[in-house]
Amino acid sequence: MTFTLDDLAALIKSRRGDSASSSYTKQLFDAGVPRISKKFGEEAFEAVIAAMEGDDKALTSEAADVLYHLLVLLEARNVALADVVAELGRRTSQSGLAEKAARGAPK
């Protein structure tokens, strides 16, 4: 059986009802979106460092942390992984450059 991001998203969702004393995920939910966002940013930074250092093993580990914390953040904000995947699907209907141009200049 293959473990998927959908499986991870479902597991994270199920942790909302756990005890904070036994679940790191529940501790994150209890800390709120600002703490989850900070943790996501920290993990993303660590992934960047691992990539720049050429450490594939560390990059793999940090990428797993990034995905986990992103899914916790999405769940905390009630944004479904399916909605993110649908957005990615919508974007693949045109070239990346055209899609980026359609979003306009950064503010």
PDB file of N, CA and C in Angstrom:
ATOM      1  N   MET A   1       0.830  -1.169   0.000  1.00  0.00           N
ATOM      2  CA  MET A   1       0.000   0.000   0.000  1.00  0.00           C
ATOM      3  C   MET A   1       0.886   1.247   0.000  1.00  0.00           C
ATOM      4  N   THR A   2       0.554   2.209  -0.818  1.00  0.00           N
ATOM      5  CA  THR A   2       1.316   3.438  -0.935  1.00  0.00           C
ATOM      6  C   THR A   2       0.703   4.524  -0.059  1.00  0.00           C
ATOM      7  N   PHE A   3       1.550   5.199   0.695  1.00  0.00           N
ATOM      8  CA  PHE A   3       1.115   6.313   1.531  1.00  0.00           C
ATOM      9  C   PHE A   3       1.070   7.566   0.677  1.00  0.00           C
ATOM     10  N   THR A   4      -0.038   8.311   0.739  1.00  0.00           N
ATOM     11  CA  THR A   4      -0.212   9.488  -0.107  1.00  0.00           C
ATOM     12  C   THR A   4      -0.374  10.752   0.744  1.00  0.00           C
ATOM     13  N   LEU A   5      -0.303  11.896   0.073  1.00  0.00           N
ATOM     14  CA  LEU A   5      -0.582  13.153   0.772  1.00  0.00           C
ATOM     15  C   LEU A   5      -2.025  13.193   1.262  1.00  0.00           C
ATOM     16  N   ASP A   6      -2.936  12.568   0.528  1.00  0.00           N
ATOM     17  CA  ASP A   6      -4.323  12.472   1.002  1.00  0.00           C
ATOM     18  C   ASP A   6      -4.393  11.704   2.316  1.00  0.00           C
ATOM     19  N   ASP A   7      -3.610  10.632   2.421  1.00  0.00           N
ATOM     20  CA  ASP A   7      -3.560   9.867   3.677  1.00  0.00           C
ATOM     21  C   ASP A   7      -3.044  10.741   4.815  1.00  0.00           C
ATOM     22  N   LEU A   8      -1.984  11.508   4.531  1.00  0.00           N
ATOM     23  CA  LEU A   8      -1.420  12.379   5.554  1.00  0.00           C
ATOM     24  C   LEU A   8      -2.420  13.465   5.959  1.00  0.00           C
ATOM     25  N   ALA A   9      -3.095  14.047   4.987  1.00  0.00           N
ATOM     26  CA  ALA A   9      -4.096  15.079   5.281  1.00  0.00           C
ATOM     27  C   ALA A   9      -5.212  14.514   6.163  1.00  0.00           C
ATOM     28  N   ALA A  10      -5.647  13.299   5.875  1.00  0.00           N
ATOM     29  CA  ALA A  10      -6.695  12.664   6.682  1.00  0.00           C
ATOM     30  C   ALA A  10      -6.194  12.383   8.102  1.00  0.00           C
ATOM     31  N   LEU A  11      -4.960  11.935   8.218  1.00  0.00           N
ATOM     32  CA  LEU A  11      -4.382  11.676   9.535  1.00  0.00           C
ATOM     33  C   LEU A  11      -4.293  12.969  10.344  1.00  0.00           C
ATOM     34  N   ILE A  12      -3.830  14.038   9.703  1.00  0.00           N
ATOM     35  CA  ILE A  12      -3.736  15.333  10.377  1.00  0.00           C
ATOM     36  C   ILE A  12      -5.115  15.787  10.842  1.00  0.00           C
ATOM     37  N   LYS A  13      -6.098  15.673   9.977  1.00  0.00           N
ATOM     38  CA  LYS A  13      -7.472  16.060  10.337  1.00  0.00           C
ATOM     39  C   LYS A  13      -7.948  15.274  11.558  1.00  0.00           C
ATOM     40  N   SER A  14      -7.627  13.992  11.597  1.00  0.00           N
ATOM     41  CA  SER A  14      -8.072  13.144  12.705  1.00  0.00           C
ATOM     42  C   SER A  14      -7.400  13.519  14.022  1.00  0.00           C
ATOM     43  N   ARG A  15      -6.250  14.162  13.962  1.00  0.00           N
ATOM     44  CA  ARG A  15      -5.514  14.541  15.174  1.00  0.00           C
ATOM     45  C   ARG A  15      -6.137  15.727  15.911  1.00  0.00           C
ATOM     46  N   ARG A  16      -7.057  16.442  15.256  1.00  0.00           N
ATOM     47  CA  ARG A  16      -7.702  17.587  15.915  1.00  0.00           C
ATOM     48  C   ARG A  16      -8.363  17.173  17.227  1.00  0.00           C
ATOM     49  N   GLY A  17      -8.848  15.954  17.308  1.00  0.00           N
ATOM     50  CA  GLY A  17      -9.538  15.482  18.510  1.00  0.00           C
ATOM     51  C   GLY A  17      -8.640  14.793  19.514  1.00  0.00           C
ATOM     52  N   ASP A  18      -7.356  14.693  19.223  1.00  0.00           N
ATOM     53  CA  ASP A  18      -6.430  14.015  20.126  1.00  0.00           C
ATOM     54  C   ASP A  18      -6.108  14.880  21.338  1.00  0.00           C
ATOM     55  N   SER A  19      -5.439  14.286  22.271  1.00  0.00           N
ATOM     56  CA  SER A  19      -4.943  15.006  23.439  1.00  0.00           C
ATOM     57  C   SER A  19      -3.617  15.667  23.086  1.00  0.00           C
ATOM     58  N   ALA A  20      -3.443  16.900  23.503  1.00  0.00           N
ATOM     59  CA  ALA A  20      -2.194  17.612  23.232  1.00  0.00           C
ATOM     60  C   ALA A  20      -1.009  16.946  23.924  1.00  0.00           C
ATOM     61  N   SER A  21      -1.281  16.207  24.983  1.00  0.00           N
ATOM     62  CA  SER A  21      -0.183  15.546  25.701  1.00  0.00           C
ATOM     63  C   SER A  21       0.384  14.360  24.921  1.00  0.00           C
ATOM     64  N   SER A  22      -0.374  13.879  23.928  1.00  0.00           N
ATOM     65  CA  SER A  22       0.096  12.722  23.170  1.00  0.00           C
ATOM     66  C   SER A  22       0.227  12.988  21.670  1.00  0.00           C
ATOM     67  N   SER A  23      -0.059  14.229  21.235  1.00  0.00           N
ATOM     68  CA  SER A  23      -0.043  14.511  19.801  1.00  0.00           C
ATOM     69  C   SER A  23       0.604  15.861  19.498  1.00  0.00           C
ATOM     70  N   TYR A  24       1.726  15.813  18.790  1.00  0.00           N
ATOM     71  CA  TYR A  24       2.395  17.041  18.353  1.00  0.00           C
ATOM     72  C   TYR A  24       1.469  17.834  17.435  1.00  0.00           C
ATOM     73  N   THR A  25       0.750  17.143  16.575  1.00  0.00           N
ATOM     74  CA  THR A  25      -0.172  17.816  15.661  1.00  0.00           C
ATOM     75  C   THR A  25      -1.222  18.591  16.441  1.00  0.00           C
ATOM     76  N   LYS A  26      -1.780  17.983  17.473  1.00  0.00           N
ATOM     77  CA  LYS A  26      -2.769  18.662  18.309  1.00  0.00           C
ATOM     78  C   LYS A  26      -2.144  19.866  19.012  1.00  0.00           C
ATOM     79  N   GLN A  27      -0.900  19.745  19.438  1.00  0.00           N
ATOM     80  CA  GLN A  27      -0.209  20.877  20.056  1.00  0.00           C
ATOM     81  C   GLN A  27      -0.112  22.042  19.066  1.00  0.00           C
ATOM     82  N   LEU A  28       0.179  21.725  17.806  1.00  0.00           N
ATOM     83  CA  LEU A  28       0.231  22.772  16.787  1.00  0.00           C
ATOM     84  C   LEU A  28      -1.134  23.424  16.607  1.00  0.00           C
ATOM     85  N   PHE A  29      -2.176  22.609  16.492  1.00  0.00           N
ATOM     86  CA  PHE A  29      -3.530  23.169  16.348  1.00  0.00           C
ATOM     87  C   PHE A  29      -3.863  24.082  17.529  1.00  0.00           C
ATOM     88  N   ASP A  30      -3.527  23.646  18.722  1.00  0.00           N
ATOM     89  CA  ASP A  30      -3.817  24.444  19.920  1.00  0.00           C
ATOM     90  C   ASP A  30      -3.031  25.752  19.932  1.00  0.00           C
ATOM     91  N   ALA A  31      -1.836  25.749  19.354  1.00  0.00           N
ATOM     92  CA  ALA A  31      -0.996  26.953  19.320  1.00  0.00           C
ATOM     93  C   ALA A  31      -1.515  27.976  18.309  1.00  0.00           C
ATOM     94  N   GLY A  32      -2.244  27.500  17.311  1.00  0.00           N
ATOM     95  CA  GLY A  32      -2.874  28.404  16.359  1.00  0.00           C
ATOM     96  C   GLY A  32      -2.094  28.632  15.074  1.00  0.00           C
ATOM     97  N   VAL A  33      -2.755  29.314  14.163  1.00  0.00           N
ATOM     98  CA  VAL A  33      -2.213  29.556  12.823  1.00  0.00           C
ATOM     99  C   VAL A  33      -0.878  30.301  12.848  1.00  0.00           C
ATOM    100  N   PRO A  34      -0.697  31.324  13.688  1.00  0.00           N
ATOM    101  CA  PRO A  34       0.604  32.005  13.687  1.00  0.00           C
ATOM    102  C   PRO A  34       1.773  31.055  13.996  1.00  0.00           C
ATOM    103  N   ARG A  35       1.608  30.186  14.979  1.00  0.00           N
ATOM    104  CA  ARG A  35       2.680  29.230  15.334  1.00  0.00           C
ATOM    105  C   ARG A  35       2.869  28.203  14.226  1.00  0.00           C
ATOM    106  N   ILE A  36       1.787  27.712  13.665  1.00  0.00           N
ATOM    107  CA  ILE A  36       1.893  26.738  12.574  1.00  0.00           C
ATOM    108  C   ILE A  36       2.593  27.386  11.386  1.00  0.00           C
ATOM    109  N   SER A  37       2.244  28.609  11.081  1.00  0.00           N
ATOM    110  CA  SER A  37       2.871  29.332   9.966  1.00  0.00           C
ATOM    111  C   SER A  37       4.360  29.511  10.202  1.00  0.00           C
ATOM    112  N   LYS A  38       4.728  29.871  11.415  1.00  0.00           N
ATOM    113  CA  LYS A  38       6.144  30.041  11.752  1.00  0.00           C
ATOM    114  C   LYS A  38       6.896  28.727  11.577  1.00  0.00           C
ATOM    115  N   LYS A  39       6.307  27.653  12.049  1.00  0.00           N
ATOM    116  CA  LYS A  39       6.955  26.339  11.946  1.00  0.00           C
ATOM    117  C   LYS A  39       7.102  25.926  10.475  1.00  0.00           C
ATOM    118  N   PHE A  40       6.073  26.196   9.672  1.00  0.00           N
ATOM    119  CA  PHE A  40       6.138  25.902   8.245  1.00  0.00           C
ATOM    120  C   PHE A  40       7.300  26.678   7.608  1.00  0.00           C
ATOM    121  N   GLY A  41       7.405  27.953   7.929  1.00  0.00           N
ATOM    122  CA  GLY A  41       8.488  28.780   7.390  1.00  0.00           C
ATOM    123  C   GLY A  41       9.858  28.280   7.802  1.00  0.00           C
ATOM    124  N   GLU A  42      10.000  27.882   9.054  1.00  0.00           N
ATOM    125  CA  GLU A  42      11.275  27.344   9.542  1.00  0.00           C
ATOM    126  C   GLU A  42      11.667  26.091   8.756  1.00  0.00           C
ATOM    127  N   GLU A  43      10.690  25.210   8.552  1.00  0.00           N
ATOM    128  CA  GLU A  43      10.972  23.960   7.831  1.00  0.00           C
ATOM    129  C   GLU A  43      11.313  24.239   6.365  1.00  0.00           C
ATOM    130  N   ALA A  44      10.635  25.200   5.757  1.00  0.00           N
ATOM    131  CA  ALA A  44      10.934  25.559   4.370  1.00  0.00           C
ATOM    132  C   ALA A  44      12.359  26.099   4.263  1.00  0.00           C
ATOM    133  N   PHE A  45      12.755  26.934   5.206  1.00  0.00           N
ATOM    134  CA  PHE A  45      14.108  27.481   5.227  1.00  0.00           C
ATOM    135  C   PHE A  45      15.131  26.358   5.367  1.00  0.00           C
ATOM    136  N   GLU A  46      14.866  25.413   6.251  1.00  0.00           N
ATOM    137  CA  GLU A  46      15.780  24.283   6.440  1.00  0.00           C
ATOM    138  C   GLU A  46      15.880  23.448   5.162  1.00  0.00           C
ATOM    139  N   ALA A  47      14.798  23.313   4.427  1.00  0.00           N
ATOM    140  CA  ALA A  47      14.837  22.581   3.150  1.00  0.00           C
ATOM    141  C   ALA A  47      15.696  23.324   2.137  1.00  0.00           C
ATOM    142  N   VAL A  48      15.578  24.639   2.101  1.00  0.00           N
ATOM    143  CA  VAL A  48      16.396  25.452   1.193  1.00  0.00           C
ATOM    144  C   VAL A  48      17.878  25.266   1.518  1.00  0.00           C
ATOM    145  N   ILE A  49      18.220  25.316   2.786  1.00  0.00           N
ATOM    146  CA  ILE A  49      19.620  25.149   3.201  1.00  0.00           C
ATOM    147  C   ILE A  49      20.133  23.771   2.790  1.00  0.00           C
ATOM    148  N   ALA A  50      19.348  22.747   3.034  1.00  0.00           N
ATOM    149  CA  ALA A  50      19.762  21.383   2.660  1.00  0.00           C
ATOM    150  C   ALA A  50      19.981  21.278   1.155  1.00  0.00           C
ATOM    151  N   ALA A  51      19.104  21.901   0.376  1.00  0.00           N
ATOM    152  CA  ALA A  51      19.250  21.862  -1.085  1.00  0.00           C
ATOM    153  C   ALA A  51      20.514  22.593  -1.517  1.00  0.00           C
ATOM    154  N   MET A  52      20.748  23.755  -0.934  1.00  0.00           N
ATOM    155  CA  MET A  52      21.928  24.542  -1.305  1.00  0.00           C
ATOM    156  C   MET A  52      23.221  23.841  -0.909  1.00  0.00           C
ATOM    157  N   GLU A  53      23.186  23.064   0.153  1.00  0.00           N
ATOM    158  CA  GLU A  53      24.360  22.327   0.605  1.00  0.00           C
ATOM    159  C   GLU A  53      24.544  21.012  -0.149  1.00  0.00           C
ATOM    160  N   GLY A  54      23.577  20.657  -0.989  1.00  0.00           N
ATOM    161  CA  GLY A  54      23.681  19.419  -1.759  1.00  0.00           C
ATOM    162  C   GLY A  54      23.457  18.166  -0.933  1.00  0.00           C
ATOM    163  N   ASP A  55      22.795  18.298   0.197  1.00  0.00           N
ATOM    164  CA  ASP A  55      22.561  17.171   1.098  1.00  0.00           C
ATOM    165  C   ASP A  55      21.186  16.568   0.797  1.00  0.00           C
ATOM    166  N   ASP A  56      21.163  15.585  -0.104  1.00  0.00           N
ATOM    167  CA  ASP A  56      19.901  15.001  -0.542  1.00  0.00           C
ATOM    168  C   ASP A  56      19.147  14.291   0.575  1.00  0.00           C
ATOM    169  N   LYS A  57      19.874  13.658   1.489  1.00  0.00           N
ATOM    170  CA  LYS A  57      19.208  12.978   2.600  1.00  0.00           C
ATOM    171  C   LYS A  57      18.514  14.002   3.499  1.00  0.00           C
ATOM    172  N   ALA A  58      19.205  15.085   3.817  1.00  0.00           N
ATOM    173  CA  ALA A  58      18.598  16.136   4.635  1.00  0.00           C
ATOM    174  C   ALA A  58      17.453  16.805   3.889  1.00  0.00           C
ATOM    175  N   LEU A  59      17.620  17.022   2.592  1.00  0.00           N
ATOM    176  CA  LEU A  59      16.551  17.637   1.800  1.00  0.00           C
ATOM    177  C   LEU A  59      15.295  16.765   1.821  1.00  0.00           C
ATOM    178  N   THR A  60      15.469  15.474   1.702  1.00  0.00           N
ATOM    179  CA  THR A  60      14.330  14.553   1.757  1.00  0.00           C
ATOM    180  C   THR A  60      13.610  14.671   3.098  1.00  0.00           C
ATOM    181  N   SER A  61      14.367  14.693   4.173  1.00  0.00           N
ATOM    182  CA  SER A  61      13.791  14.803   5.503  1.00  0.00           C
ATOM    183  C   SER A  61      13.098  16.156   5.699  1.00  0.00           C
ATOM    184  N   GLU A  62      13.759  17.215   5.284  1.00  0.00           N
ATOM    185  CA  GLU A  62      13.173  18.556   5.448  1.00  0.00           C
ATOM    186  C   GLU A  62      11.949  18.738   4.545  1.00  0.00           C
ATOM    187  N   ALA A  63      11.985  18.162   3.349  1.00  0.00           N
ATOM    188  CA  ALA A  63      10.818  18.248   2.459  1.00  0.00           C
ATOM    189  C   ALA A  63       9.615  17.562   3.090  1.00  0.00           C
ATOM    190  N   ALA A  64       9.848  16.439   3.769  1.00  0.00           N
ATOM    191  CA  ALA A  64       8.760  15.765   4.480  1.00  0.00           C
ATOM    192  C   ALA A  64       8.199  16.673   5.571  1.00  0.00           C
ATOM    193  N   ASP A  65       9.085  17.369   6.295  1.00  0.00           N
ATOM    194  CA  ASP A  65       8.638  18.312   7.324  1.00  0.00           C
ATOM    195  C   ASP A  65       7.841  19.457   6.715  1.00  0.00           C
ATOM    196  N   VAL A  66       8.294  19.963   5.572  1.00  0.00           N
ATOM    197  CA  VAL A  66       7.593  21.052   4.885  1.00  0.00           C
ATOM    198  C   VAL A  66       6.179  20.612   4.501  1.00  0.00           C
ATOM    199  N   LEU A  67       6.072  19.450   3.879  1.00  0.00           N
ATOM    200  CA  LEU A  67       4.758  18.965   3.455  1.00  0.00           C
ATOM    201  C   LEU A  67       3.837  18.752   4.650  1.00  0.00           C
ATOM    202  N   TYR A  68       4.359  18.152   5.703  1.00  0.00           N
ATOM    203  CA  TYR A  68       3.555  17.918   6.905  1.00  0.00           C
ATOM    204  C   TYR A  68       3.044  19.244   7.469  1.00  0.00           C
ATOM    205  N   HIS A  69       3.951  20.200   7.669  1.00  0.00           N
ATOM    206  CA  HIS A  69       3.539  21.469   8.271  1.00  0.00           C
ATOM    207  C   HIS A  69       2.624  22.272   7.347  1.00  0.00           C
ATOM    208  N   LEU A  70       2.804  22.152   6.041  1.00  0.00           N
ATOM    209  CA  LEU A  70       1.890  22.803   5.103  1.00  0.00           C
ATOM    210  C   LEU A  70       0.489  22.208   5.245  1.00  0.00           C
ATOM    211  N   LEU A  71       0.401  20.899   5.343  1.00  0.00           N
ATOM    212  CA  LEU A  71      -0.902  20.258   5.484  1.00  0.00           C
ATOM    213  C   LEU A  71      -1.559  20.601   6.822  1.00  0.00           C
ATOM    214  N   VAL A  72      -0.759  20.736   7.874  1.00  0.00           N
ATOM    215  CA  VAL A  72      -1.315  21.175   9.156  1.00  0.00           C
ATOM    216  C   VAL A  72      -1.858  22.596   9.010  1.00  0.00           C
ATOM    217  N   LEU A  73      -1.103  23.461   8.346  1.00  0.00           N
ATOM    218  CA  LEU A  73      -1.535  24.841   8.132  1.00  0.00           C
ATOM    219  C   LEU A  73      -2.821  24.898   7.311  1.00  0.00           C
ATOM    220  N   LEU A  74      -2.888  24.112   6.246  1.00  0.00           N
ATOM    221  CA  LEU A  74      -4.104  24.074   5.433  1.00  0.00           C
ATOM    222  C   LEU A  74      -5.295  23.618   6.263  1.00  0.00           C
ATOM    223  N   GLU A  75      -5.104  22.584   7.052  1.00  0.00           N
ATOM    224  CA  GLU A  75      -6.195  22.067   7.898  1.00  0.00           C
ATOM    225  C   GLU A  75      -6.615  23.113   8.929  1.00  0.00           C
ATOM    226  N   ALA A  76      -5.657  23.795   9.505  1.00  0.00           N
ATOM    227  CA  ALA A  76      -5.979  24.815  10.504  1.00  0.00           C
ATOM    228  C   ALA A  76      -6.801  25.953   9.902  1.00  0.00           C
ATOM    229  N   ARG A  77      -6.600  26.220   8.623  1.00  0.00           N
ATOM    230  CA  ARG A  77      -7.332  27.280   7.925  1.00  0.00           C
ATOM    231  C   ARG A  77      -8.537  26.732   7.161  1.00  0.00           C
ATOM    232  N   ASN A  78      -8.803  25.418   7.308  1.00  0.00           N
ATOM    233  CA  ASN A  78      -9.927  24.765   6.629  1.00  0.00           C
ATOM    234  C   ASN A  78      -9.835  24.871   5.107  1.00  0.00           C
ATOM    235  N   VAL A  79      -8.625  24.743   4.605  1.00  0.00           N
ATOM    236  CA  VAL A  79      -8.390  24.696   3.156  1.00  0.00           C
ATOM    237  C   VAL A  79      -8.099  23.238   2.810  1.00  0.00           C
ATOM    238  N   ALA A  80      -8.916  22.656   1.964  1.00  0.00           N
ATOM    239  CA  ALA A  80      -8.775  21.238   1.605  1.00  0.00           C
ATOM    240  C   ALA A  80      -7.603  21.023   0.654  1.00  0.00           C
ATOM    241  N   LEU A  81      -6.867  19.948   0.882  1.00  0.00           N
ATOM    242  CA  LEU A  81      -5.789  19.574  -0.032  1.00  0.00           C
ATOM    243  C   LEU A  81      -6.337  19.437  -1.444  1.00  0.00           C
ATOM    244  N   ALA A  82      -7.547  18.924  -1.579  1.00  0.00           N
ATOM    245  CA  ALA A  82      -8.169  18.764  -2.903  1.00  0.00           C
ATOM    246  C   ALA A  82      -8.302  20.107  -3.611  1.00  0.00           C
ATOM    247  N   ASP A  83      -8.552  21.170  -2.870  1.00  0.00           N
ATOM    248  CA  ASP A  83      -8.649  22.498  -3.481  1.00  0.00           C
ATOM    249  C   ASP A  83      -7.292  22.963  -4.003  1.00  0.00           C
ATOM    250  N   VAL A  84      -6.233  22.657  -3.259  1.00  0.00           N
ATOM    251  CA  VAL A  84      -4.881  23.013  -3.703  1.00  0.00           C
ATOM    252  C   VAL A  84      -4.521  22.212  -4.957  1.00  0.00           C
ATOM    253  N   VAL A  85      -4.843  20.939  -4.946  1.00  0.00           N
ATOM    254  CA  VAL A  85      -4.568  20.091  -6.109  1.00  0.00           C
ATOM    255  C   VAL A  85      -5.372  20.563  -7.314  1.00  0.00           C
ATOM    256  N   ALA A  86      -6.613  20.961  -7.097  1.00  0.00           N
ATOM    257  CA  ALA A  86      -7.434  21.488  -8.191  1.00  0.00           C
ATOM    258  C   ALA A  86      -6.823  22.762  -8.764  1.00  0.00           C
ATOM    259  N   GLU A  87      -6.300  23.608  -7.898  1.00  0.00           N
ATOM    260  CA  GLU A  87      -5.632  24.835  -8.364  1.00  0.00           C
ATOM    261  C   GLU A  87      -4.399  24.497  -9.192  1.00  0.00           C
ATOM    262  N   LEU A  88      -3.642  23.520  -8.751  1.00  0.00           N
ATOM    263  CA  LEU A  88      -2.485  23.077  -9.541  1.00  0.00           C
ATOM    264  C   LEU A  88      -2.925  22.548 -10.903  1.00  0.00           C
ATOM    265  N   GLY A  89      -4.006  21.790 -10.902  1.00  0.00           N
ATOM    266  CA  GLY A  89      -4.545  21.274 -12.155  1.00  0.00           C
ATOM    267  C   GLY A  89      -4.982  22.385 -13.092  1.00  0.00           C
ATOM    268  N   ARG A  90      -5.618  23.403 -12.531  1.00  0.00           N
ATOM    269  CA  ARG A  90      -6.039  24.541 -13.335  1.00  0.00           C
ATOM    270  C   ARG A  90      -4.820  25.226 -13.949  1.00  0.00           C
ATOM    271  N   ARG A  91      -3.779  25.355 -13.178  1.00  0.00           N
ATOM    272  CA  ARG A  91      -2.580  26.032 -13.656  1.00  0.00           C
ATOM    273  C   ARG A  91      -1.856  25.263 -14.747  1.00  0.00           C
ATOM    274  N   THR A  92      -1.992  23.949 -14.755  1.00  0.00           N
ATOM    275  CA  THR A  92      -1.292  23.160 -15.774  1.00  0.00           C
ATOM    276  C   THR A  92      -1.967  23.237 -17.133  1.00  0.00           C
ATOM    277  N   SER A  93      -3.127  23.912 -17.205  1.00  0.00           N
ATOM    278  CA  SER A  93      -3.811  24.049 -18.491  1.00  0.00           C
ATOM    279  C   SER A  93      -3.164  25.114 -19.369  1.00  0.00           C
ATOM    280  N   GLN A  94      -2.163  25.812 -18.838  1.00  0.00           N
ATOM    281  CA  GLN A  94      -1.431  26.809 -19.617  1.00  0.00           C
ATOM    282  C   GLN A  94       0.040  26.730 -19.226  1.00  0.00           C
ATOM    283  N   SER A  95       0.880  27.403 -19.985  1.00  0.00           N
ATOM    284  CA  SER A  95       2.298  27.371 -19.657  1.00  0.00           C
ATOM    285  C   SER A  95       2.533  28.073 -18.327  1.00  0.00           C
ATOM    286  N   GLY A  96       3.600  27.699 -17.656  1.00  0.00           N
ATOM    287  CA  GLY A  96       3.938  28.327 -16.385  1.00  0.00           C
ATOM    288  C   GLY A  96       4.166  29.815 -16.519  1.00  0.00           C
ATOM    289  N   LEU A  97       4.783  30.223 -17.613  1.00  0.00           N
ATOM    290  CA  LEU A  97       5.040  31.651 -17.816  1.00  0.00           C
ATOM    291  C   LEU A  97       3.742  32.421 -18.031  1.00  0.00           C
ATOM    292  N   ALA A  98       2.818  31.838 -18.797  1.00  0.00           N
ATOM    293  CA  ALA A  98       1.530  32.498 -19.032  1.00  0.00           C
ATOM    294  C   ALA A  98       0.725  32.562 -17.741  1.00  0.00           C
ATOM    295  N   GLU A  99       0.767  31.500 -16.952  1.00  0.00           N
ATOM    296  CA  GLU A  99       0.029  31.475 -15.695  1.00  0.00           C
ATOM    297  C   GLU A  99       0.577  32.532 -14.746  1.00  0.00           C
ATOM    298  N   LYS A 100       1.894  32.636 -14.676  1.00  0.00           N
ATOM    299  CA  LYS A 100       2.520  33.623 -13.789  1.00  0.00           C
ATOM    300  C   LYS A 100       2.168  35.046 -14.241  1.00  0.00           C
ATOM    301  N   ALA A 101       2.185  35.296 -15.531  1.00  0.00           N
ATOM    302  CA  ALA A 101       1.840  36.616 -16.050  1.00  0.00           C
ATOM    303  C   ALA A 101       0.383  36.957 -15.756  1.00  0.00           C
ATOM    304  N   ALA A 102      -0.498  35.955 -15.807  1.00  0.00           N
ATOM    305  CA  ALA A 102      -1.919  36.179 -15.543  1.00  0.00           C
ATOM    306  C   ALA A 102      -2.174  36.583 -14.102  1.00  0.00           C
ATOM    307  N   ARG A 103      -1.289  36.153 -13.192  1.00  0.00           N
ATOM    308  CA  ARG A 103      -1.431  36.516 -11.778  1.00  0.00           C
ATOM    309  C   ARG A 103      -1.035  37.974 -11.542  1.00  0.00           C
ATOM    310  N   GLY A 104      -0.294  38.567 -12.463  1.00  0.00           N
ATOM    311  CA  GLY A 104       0.100  39.967 -12.336  1.00  0.00           C
ATOM    312  C   GLY A 104       1.379  40.112 -11.529  1.00  0.00           C
ATOM    313  N   ALA A 105       1.812  41.341 -11.469  1.00  0.00           N
ATOM    314  CA  ALA A 105       3.049  41.657 -10.746  1.00  0.00           C
ATOM    315  C   ALA A 105       2.835  41.512  -9.252  1.00  0.00           C
ATOM    316  N   PRO A 106       3.873  41.082  -8.530  1.00  0.00           N
ATOM    317  CA  PRO A 106       3.743  40.963  -7.072  1.00  0.00           C
ATOM    318  C   PRO A 106       3.515  42.335  -6.445  1.00  0.00           C
ATOM    319  N   LYS A 107       2.763  42.325  -5.349  1.00  0.00           N
ATOM    320  CA  LYS A 107       2.442  43.588  -4.665  1.00  0.00           C
ATOM    321  C   LYS A 107       3.425  43.872  -3.574  1.00  0.00           C
TER     322      LYS A 107
END
